[in-house]
Amino acid sequence: MHALRLVSVALVVTAVLAVTVGAPVAAASLATTCAMAGIVRAVLRGRRPPGLAVRSTLTDVTVLLVMALAIGLLSLSPGV
């Protein structure tokens, strides 16, 4: 299965979790999805995997991992 399809499925699962279980679980799922996408992008160099490779490898990995960290930290903040 292509990486873009896996990420799309993970985002649908995150949306379902948000509706059925709650925001903290959905945030953890979204943070995990971003982190895994960043790791996959870091391991597969060049223009791979298609769909995740948008900019340079370093930029893609940095953006995905920073998003994962930010979502994870924000999900732990009070009021969420």
PDB file of N, CA and C in Angstrom:
ATOM      1  N   MET A   1       0.855  -1.181   0.000  1.00  0.00           N
ATOM      2  CA  MET A   1       0.000   0.000   0.000  1.00  0.00           C
ATOM      3  C   MET A   1       0.897   1.240   0.000  1.00  0.00           C
ATOM      4  N   HIS A   2       0.535   2.229  -0.761  1.00  0.00           N
ATOM      5  CA  HIS A   2       1.335   3.444  -0.858  1.00  0.00           C
ATOM      6  C   HIS A   2       1.266   4.244   0.432  1.00  0.00           C
ATOM      7  N   ALA A   3       2.310   5.002   0.686  1.00  0.00           N
ATOM      8  CA  ALA A   3       2.397   5.792   1.914  1.00  0.00           C
ATOM      9  C   ALA A   3       1.260   6.802   2.012  1.00  0.00           C
ATOM     10  N   LEU A   4       0.899   7.407   0.893  1.00  0.00           N
ATOM     11  CA  LEU A   4      -0.178   8.395   0.919  1.00  0.00           C
ATOM     12  C   LEU A   4      -1.509   7.752   1.315  1.00  0.00           C
ATOM     13  N   ARG A   5      -1.751   6.546   0.851  1.00  0.00           N
ATOM     14  CA  ARG A   5      -2.981   5.839   1.250  1.00  0.00           C
ATOM     15  C   ARG A   5      -2.965   5.510   2.733  1.00  0.00           C
ATOM     16  N   LEU A   6      -1.810   5.079   3.240  1.00  0.00           N
ATOM     17  CA  LEU A   6      -1.710   4.765   4.668  1.00  0.00           C
ATOM     18  C   LEU A   6      -1.954   5.997   5.525  1.00  0.00           C
ATOM     19  N   VAL A   7      -1.382   7.127   5.116  1.00  0.00           N
ATOM     20  CA  VAL A   7      -1.596   8.366   5.860  1.00  0.00           C
ATOM     21  C   VAL A   7      -3.055   8.785   5.775  1.00  0.00           C
ATOM     22  N   SER A   8      -3.671   8.633   4.614  1.00  0.00           N
ATOM     23  CA  SER A   8      -5.087   8.984   4.453  1.00  0.00           C
ATOM     24  C   SER A   8      -5.972   8.125   5.348  1.00  0.00           C
ATOM     25  N   VAL A   9      -5.689   6.834   5.393  1.00  0.00           N
ATOM     26  CA  VAL A   9      -6.449   5.933   6.273  1.00  0.00           C
ATOM     27  C   VAL A   9      -6.246   6.326   7.741  1.00  0.00           C
ATOM     28  N   ALA A  10      -5.008   6.662   8.101  1.00  0.00           N
ATOM     29  CA  ALA A  10      -4.732   7.071   9.475  1.00  0.00           C
ATOM     30  C   ALA A  10      -5.484   8.350   9.838  1.00  0.00           C
ATOM     31  N   LEU A  11      -5.619   9.274   8.904  1.00  0.00           N
ATOM     32  CA  LEU A  11      -6.370  10.499   9.167  1.00  0.00           C
ATOM     33  C   LEU A  11      -7.863  10.233   9.325  1.00  0.00           C
ATOM     34  N   VAL A  12      -8.394   9.307   8.552  1.00  0.00           N
ATOM     35  CA  VAL A  12      -9.804   8.925   8.709  1.00  0.00           C
ATOM     36  C   VAL A  12     -10.012   8.269  10.075  1.00  0.00           C
ATOM     37  N   VAL A  13      -9.097   7.396  10.457  1.00  0.00           N
ATOM     38  CA  VAL A  13      -9.171   6.752  11.779  1.00  0.00           C
ATOM     39  C   VAL A  13      -9.111   7.811  12.880  1.00  0.00           C
ATOM     40  N   THR A  14      -8.264   8.812  12.710  1.00  0.00           N
ATOM     41  CA  THR A  14      -8.159   9.900  13.688  1.00  0.00           C
ATOM     42  C   THR A  14      -9.482  10.651  13.803  1.00  0.00           C
ATOM     43  N   ALA A  15     -10.121  10.921  12.677  1.00  0.00           N
ATOM     44  CA  ALA A  15     -11.412  11.617  12.704  1.00  0.00           C
ATOM     45  C   ALA A  15     -12.475  10.781  13.411  1.00  0.00           C
ATOM     46  N   VAL A  16     -12.484   9.480  13.151  1.00  0.00           N
ATOM     47  CA  VAL A  16     -13.437   8.585  13.810  1.00  0.00           C
ATOM     48  C   VAL A  16     -13.166   8.550  15.313  1.00  0.00           C
ATOM     49  N   LEU A  17     -11.895   8.491  15.692  1.00  0.00           N
ATOM     50  CA  LEU A  17     -11.542   8.504  17.114  1.00  0.00           C
ATOM     51  C   LEU A  17     -11.981   9.802  17.788  1.00  0.00           C
ATOM     52  N   ALA A  18     -11.849  10.910  17.086  1.00  0.00           N
ATOM     53  CA  ALA A  18     -12.257  12.197  17.662  1.00  0.00           C
ATOM     54  C   ALA A  18     -13.746  12.218  17.975  1.00  0.00           C
ATOM     55  N   VAL A  19     -14.539  11.610  17.098  1.00  0.00           N
ATOM     56  CA  VAL A  19     -15.987  11.604  17.291  1.00  0.00           C
ATOM     57  C   VAL A  19     -16.406  10.578  18.335  1.00  0.00           C
ATOM     58  N   THR A  20     -15.783   9.415  18.301  1.00  0.00           N
ATOM     59  CA  THR A  20     -16.242   8.327  19.166  1.00  0.00           C
ATOM     60  C   THR A  20     -15.580   8.295  20.537  1.00  0.00           C
ATOM     61  N   VAL A  21     -14.286   8.582  20.611  1.00  0.00           N
ATOM     62  CA  VAL A  21     -13.556   8.439  21.881  1.00  0.00           C
ATOM     63  C   VAL A  21     -13.269   9.781  22.524  1.00  0.00           C
ATOM     64  N   GLY A  22     -12.774  10.725  21.745  1.00  0.00           N
ATOM     65  CA  GLY A  22     -12.485  12.047  22.294  1.00  0.00           C
ATOM     66  C   GLY A  22     -11.233  12.655  21.696  1.00  0.00           C
ATOM     67  N   ALA A  23     -11.058  13.929  22.003  1.00  0.00           N
ATOM     68  CA  ALA A  23      -9.954  14.694  21.430  1.00  0.00           C
ATOM     69  C   ALA A  23      -8.568  14.216  21.860  1.00  0.00           C
ATOM     70  N   PRO A  24      -8.338  13.869  23.119  1.00  0.00           N
ATOM     71  CA  PRO A  24      -6.983  13.452  23.503  1.00  0.00           C
ATOM     72  C   PRO A  24      -6.493  12.210  22.754  1.00  0.00           C
ATOM     73  N   VAL A  25      -7.365  11.248  22.569  1.00  0.00           N
ATOM     74  CA  VAL A  25      -6.989  10.029  21.839  1.00  0.00           C
ATOM     75  C   VAL A  25      -6.758  10.348  20.368  1.00  0.00           C
ATOM     76  N   ALA A  26      -7.605  11.183  19.802  1.00  0.00           N
ATOM     77  CA  ALA A  26      -7.443  11.573  18.401  1.00  0.00           C
ATOM     78  C   ALA A  26      -6.154  12.362  18.208  1.00  0.00           C
ATOM     79  N   ALA A  27      -5.814  13.231  19.161  1.00  0.00           N
ATOM     80  CA  ALA A  27      -4.568  13.989  19.068  1.00  0.00           C
ATOM     81  C   ALA A  27      -3.359  13.063  19.129  1.00  0.00           C
ATOM     82  N   ALA A  28      -3.421  12.067  19.985  1.00  0.00           N
ATOM     83  CA  ALA A  28      -2.323  11.089  20.064  1.00  0.00           C
ATOM     84  C   ALA A  28      -2.192  10.325  18.748  1.00  0.00           C
ATOM     85  N   SER A  29      -3.313   9.980  18.153  1.00  0.00           N
ATOM     86  CA  SER A  29      -3.300   9.286  16.871  1.00  0.00           C
ATOM     87  C   SER A  29      -2.719  10.172  15.771  1.00  0.00           C
ATOM     88  N   LEU A  30      -3.099  11.430  15.761  1.00  0.00           N
ATOM     89  CA  LEU A  30      -2.586  12.358  14.753  1.00  0.00           C
ATOM     90  C   LEU A  30      -1.091  12.611  14.937  1.00  0.00           C
ATOM     91  N   ALA A  31      -0.661  12.771  16.189  1.00  0.00           N
ATOM     92  CA  ALA A  31       0.766  12.972  16.464  1.00  0.00           C
ATOM     93  C   ALA A  31       1.571  11.750  16.043  1.00  0.00           C
ATOM     94  N   THR A  32       1.037  10.567  16.307  1.00  0.00           N
ATOM     95  CA  THR A  32       1.718   9.334  15.909  1.00  0.00           C
ATOM     96  C   THR A  32       1.798   9.227  14.391  1.00  0.00           C
ATOM     97  N   THR A  33       0.719   9.582  13.713  1.00  0.00           N
ATOM     98  CA  THR A  33       0.717   9.547  12.250  1.00  0.00           C
ATOM     99  C   THR A  33       1.778  10.495  11.680  1.00  0.00           C
ATOM    100  N   CYS A  34       1.862  11.705  12.212  1.00  0.00           N
ATOM    101  CA  CYS A  34       2.865  12.663  11.739  1.00  0.00           C
ATOM    102  C   CYS A  34       4.278  12.164  12.016  1.00  0.00           C
ATOM    103  N   ALA A  35       4.495  11.602  13.202  1.00  0.00           N
ATOM    104  CA  ALA A  35       5.822  11.095  13.548  1.00  0.00           C
ATOM    105  C   ALA A  35       6.219   9.934  12.643  1.00  0.00           C
ATOM    106  N   MET A  36       5.310   9.009  12.411  1.00  0.00           N
ATOM    107  CA  MET A  36       5.612   7.868  11.538  1.00  0.00           C
ATOM    108  C   MET A  36       5.876   8.325  10.103  1.00  0.00           C
ATOM    109  N   ALA A  37       5.094   9.289   9.626  1.00  0.00           N
ATOM    110  CA  ALA A  37       5.320   9.805   8.282  1.00  0.00           C
ATOM    111  C   ALA A  37       6.689  10.479   8.189  1.00  0.00           C
ATOM    112  N   GLY A  38       7.075  11.190   9.239  1.00  0.00           N
ATOM    113  CA  GLY A  38       8.391  11.816   9.263  1.00  0.00           C
ATOM    114  C   GLY A  38       9.518  10.803   9.254  1.00  0.00           C
ATOM    115  N   ILE A  39       9.355   9.729  10.012  1.00  0.00           N
ATOM    116  CA  ILE A  39      10.374   8.679  10.051  1.00  0.00           C
ATOM    117  C   ILE A  39      10.480   7.984   8.694  1.00  0.00           C
ATOM    118  N   VAL A  40       9.334   7.665   8.102  1.00  0.00           N
ATOM    119  CA  VAL A  40       9.345   7.016   6.781  1.00  0.00           C
ATOM    120  C   VAL A  40       9.997   7.936   5.752  1.00  0.00           C
ATOM    121  N   ARG A  41       9.674   9.218   5.821  1.00  0.00           N
ATOM    122  CA  ARG A  41      10.263  10.170   4.871  1.00  0.00           C
ATOM    123  C   ARG A  41      11.772  10.273   5.070  1.00  0.00           C
ATOM    124  N   ALA A  42      12.230  10.176   6.308  1.00  0.00           N
ATOM    125  CA  ALA A  42      13.664  10.260   6.586  1.00  0.00           C
ATOM    126  C   ALA A  42      14.402   9.026   6.072  1.00  0.00           C
ATOM    127  N   VAL A  43      13.772   7.877   6.195  1.00  0.00           N
ATOM    128  CA  VAL A  43      14.423   6.622   5.788  1.00  0.00           C
ATOM    129  C   VAL A  43      14.465   6.489   4.275  1.00  0.00           C
ATOM    130  N   LEU A  44      13.382   6.826   3.601  1.00  0.00           N
ATOM    131  CA  LEU A  44      13.315   6.710   2.144  1.00  0.00           C
ATOM    132  C   LEU A  44      13.749   8.026   1.521  1.00  0.00           C
ATOM    133  N   ARG A  45      14.948   8.075   1.074  1.00  0.00           N
ATOM    134  CA  ARG A  45      15.538   9.307   0.531  1.00  0.00           C
ATOM    135  C   ARG A  45      15.024   9.612  -0.872  1.00  0.00           C
ATOM    136  N   GLY A  46      15.348  10.808  -1.332  1.00  0.00           N
ATOM    137  CA  GLY A  46      14.979  11.205  -2.685  1.00  0.00           C
ATOM    138  C   GLY A  46      13.518  11.594  -2.781  1.00  0.00           C
ATOM    139  N   ARG A  47      12.886  11.253  -3.872  1.00  0.00           N
ATOM    140  CA  ARG A  47      11.483  11.601  -4.098  1.00  0.00           C
ATOM    141  C   ARG A  47      10.555  10.498  -3.624  1.00  0.00           C
ATOM    142  N   ARG A  48      11.008   9.702  -2.673  1.00  0.00           N
ATOM    143  CA  ARG A  48      10.205   8.608  -2.161  1.00  0.00           C
ATOM    144  C   ARG A  48       9.831   8.891  -0.725  1.00  0.00           C
ATOM    145  N   PRO A  49       8.734   8.470  -0.222  1.00  0.00           N
ATOM    146  CA  PRO A  49       7.609   7.858  -0.916  1.00  0.00           C
ATOM    147  C   PRO A  49       6.772   8.922  -1.617  1.00  0.00           C
ATOM    148  N   PRO A  50       6.217   8.551  -2.770  1.00  0.00           N
ATOM    149  CA  PRO A  50       5.359   9.509  -3.482  1.00  0.00           C
ATOM    150  C   PRO A  50       4.179   9.922  -2.603  1.00  0.00           C
ATOM    151  N   GLY A  51       3.851  11.162  -2.625  1.00  0.00           N
ATOM    152  CA  GLY A  51       2.756  11.660  -1.800  1.00  0.00           C
ATOM    153  C   GLY A  51       3.249  12.288  -0.513  1.00  0.00           C
ATOM    154  N   LEU A  52       4.331  11.770   0.050  1.00  0.00           N
ATOM    155  CA  LEU A  52       4.924  12.378   1.242  1.00  0.00           C
ATOM    156  C   LEU A  52       6.090  13.279   0.877  1.00  0.00           C
ATOM    157  N   ALA A  53       6.715  13.027  -0.255  1.00  0.00           N
ATOM    158  CA  ALA A  53       7.851  13.819  -0.694  1.00  0.00           C
ATOM    159  C   ALA A  53       7.348  15.066  -1.400  1.00  0.00           C
ATOM    160  N   VAL A  54       7.359  16.173  -0.697  1.00  0.00           N
ATOM    161  CA  VAL A  54       6.861  17.416  -1.258  1.00  0.00           C
ATOM    162  C   VAL A  54       8.023  18.391  -1.478  1.00  0.00           C
ATOM    163  N   ARG A  55       8.827  18.561  -0.445  1.00  0.00           N
ATOM    164  CA  ARG A  55       9.970  19.465  -0.514  1.00  0.00           C
ATOM    165  C   ARG A  55      11.232  18.633  -0.344  1.00  0.00           C
ATOM    166  N   SER A  56      12.292  19.252   0.104  1.00  0.00           N
ATOM    167  CA  SER A  56      13.516  18.491   0.354  1.00  0.00           C
ATOM    168  C   SER A  56      13.267  17.537   1.519  1.00  0.00           C
ATOM    169  N   THR A  57      14.077  16.500   1.588  1.00  0.00           N
ATOM    170  CA  THR A  57      13.908  15.507   2.656  1.00  0.00           C
ATOM    171  C   THR A  57      13.999  16.161   4.025  1.00  0.00           C
ATOM    172  N   LEU A  58      14.993  16.995   4.224  1.00  0.00           N
ATOM    173  CA  LEU A  58      15.184  17.645   5.525  1.00  0.00           C
ATOM    174  C   LEU A  58      13.977  18.497   5.904  1.00  0.00           C
ATOM    175  N   THR A  59      13.443  19.245   4.958  1.00  0.00           N
ATOM    176  CA  THR A  59      12.278  20.096   5.239  1.00  0.00           C
ATOM    177  C   THR A  59      11.056  19.250   5.569  1.00  0.00           C
ATOM    178  N   ASP A  60      10.799  18.221   4.774  1.00  0.00           N
ATOM    179  CA  ASP A  60       9.645  17.354   5.035  1.00  0.00           C
ATOM    180  C   ASP A  60       9.742  16.698   6.405  1.00  0.00           C
ATOM    181  N   VAL A  61      10.902  16.146   6.726  1.00  0.00           N
ATOM    182  CA  VAL A  61      11.086  15.456   8.014  1.00  0.00           C
ATOM    183  C   VAL A  61      10.930  16.445   9.163  1.00  0.00           C
ATOM    184  N   THR A  62      11.539  17.617   9.031  1.00  0.00           N
ATOM    185  CA  THR A  62      11.452  18.619  10.095  1.00  0.00           C
ATOM    186  C   THR A  62      10.006  19.048  10.329  1.00  0.00           C
ATOM    187  N   VAL A  63       9.283  19.344   9.259  1.00  0.00           N
ATOM    188  CA  VAL A  63       7.890  19.790   9.394  1.00  0.00           C
ATOM    189  C   VAL A  63       7.041  18.693  10.040  1.00  0.00           C
ATOM    190  N   LEU A  64       7.175  17.467   9.582  1.00  0.00           N
ATOM    191  CA  LEU A  64       6.356  16.379  10.119  1.00  0.00           C
ATOM    192  C   LEU A  64       6.665  16.109  11.593  1.00  0.00           C
ATOM    193  N   LEU A  65       7.945  16.104  11.960  1.00  0.00           N
ATOM    194  CA  LEU A  65       8.298  15.821  13.352  1.00  0.00           C
ATOM    195  C   LEU A  65       7.952  16.980  14.282  1.00  0.00           C
ATOM    196  N   VAL A  66       8.090  18.212  13.809  1.00  0.00           N
ATOM    197  CA  VAL A  66       7.689  19.362  14.629  1.00  0.00           C
ATOM    198  C   VAL A  66       6.173  19.369  14.821  1.00  0.00           C
ATOM    199  N   MET A  67       5.424  19.037  13.771  1.00  0.00           N
ATOM    200  CA  MET A  67       3.964  18.940  13.921  1.00  0.00           C
ATOM    201  C   MET A  67       3.593  17.861  14.927  1.00  0.00           C
ATOM    202  N   ALA A  68       4.262  16.705  14.857  1.00  0.00           N
ATOM    203  CA  ALA A  68       3.979  15.622  15.798  1.00  0.00           C
ATOM    204  C   ALA A  68       4.247  16.071  17.232  1.00  0.00           C
ATOM    205  N   LEU A  69       5.374  16.735  17.444  1.00  0.00           N
ATOM    206  CA  LEU A  69       5.717  17.219  18.779  1.00  0.00           C
ATOM    207  C   LEU A  69       4.727  18.271  19.258  1.00  0.00           C
ATOM    208  N   ALA A  70       4.386  19.215  18.393  1.00  0.00           N
ATOM    209  CA  ALA A  70       3.448  20.286  18.771  1.00  0.00           C
ATOM    210  C   ALA A  70       2.061  19.716  19.095  1.00  0.00           C
ATOM    211  N   ILE A  71       1.572  18.822  18.277  1.00  0.00           N
ATOM    212  CA  ILE A  71       0.253  18.223  18.537  1.00  0.00           C
ATOM    213  C   ILE A  71       0.283  17.426  19.836  1.00  0.00           C
ATOM    214  N   GLY A  72       1.360  16.693  20.043  1.00  0.00           N
ATOM    215  CA  GLY A  72       1.490  15.924  21.290  1.00  0.00           C
ATOM    216  C   GLY A  72       1.519  16.807  22.517  1.00  0.00           C
ATOM    217  N   LEU A  73       2.280  17.882  22.445  1.00  0.00           N
ATOM    218  CA  LEU A  73       2.357  18.813  23.602  1.00  0.00           C
ATOM    219  C   LEU A  73       1.032  19.540  23.814  1.00  0.00           C
ATOM    220  N   LEU A  74       0.412  19.991  22.741  1.00  0.00           N
ATOM    221  CA  LEU A  74      -0.869  20.696  22.879  1.00  0.00           C
ATOM    222  C   LEU A  74      -1.970  19.792  23.403  1.00  0.00           C
ATOM    223  N   SER A  75      -1.896  18.508  23.070  1.00  0.00           N
ATOM    224  CA  SER A  75      -2.931  17.585  23.563  1.00  0.00           C
ATOM    225  C   SER A  75      -2.823  17.374  25.060  1.00  0.00           C
ATOM    226  N   LEU A  76      -1.667  17.646  25.626  1.00  0.00           N
ATOM    227  CA  LEU A  76      -1.471  17.491  27.081  1.00  0.00           C
ATOM    228  C   LEU A  76      -1.804  18.751  27.856  1.00  0.00           C
ATOM    229  N   SER A  77      -2.054  19.855  27.163  1.00  0.00           N
ATOM    230  CA  SER A  77      -2.334  21.108  27.849  1.00  0.00           C
ATOM    231  C   SER A  77      -3.733  21.074  28.473  1.00  0.00           C
ATOM    232  N   PRO A  78      -3.924  21.816  29.558  1.00  0.00           N
ATOM    233  CA  PRO A  78      -5.235  21.808  30.224  1.00  0.00           C
ATOM    234  C   PRO A  78      -6.336  22.357  29.311  1.00  0.00           C
ATOM    235  N   GLY A  79      -7.503  21.798  29.443  1.00  0.00           N
ATOM    236  CA  GLY A  79      -8.654  22.269  28.686  1.00  0.00           C
ATOM    237  C   GLY A  79      -8.891  21.547  27.390  1.00  0.00           C
ATOM    238  N   VAL A  80      -8.055  20.567  27.083  1.00  0.00           N
ATOM    239  CA  VAL A  80      -8.233  19.823  25.825  1.00  0.00           C
ATOM    240  C   VAL A  80      -8.971  18.540  26.120  1.00  0.00           C
TER     241      VAL A  80
END
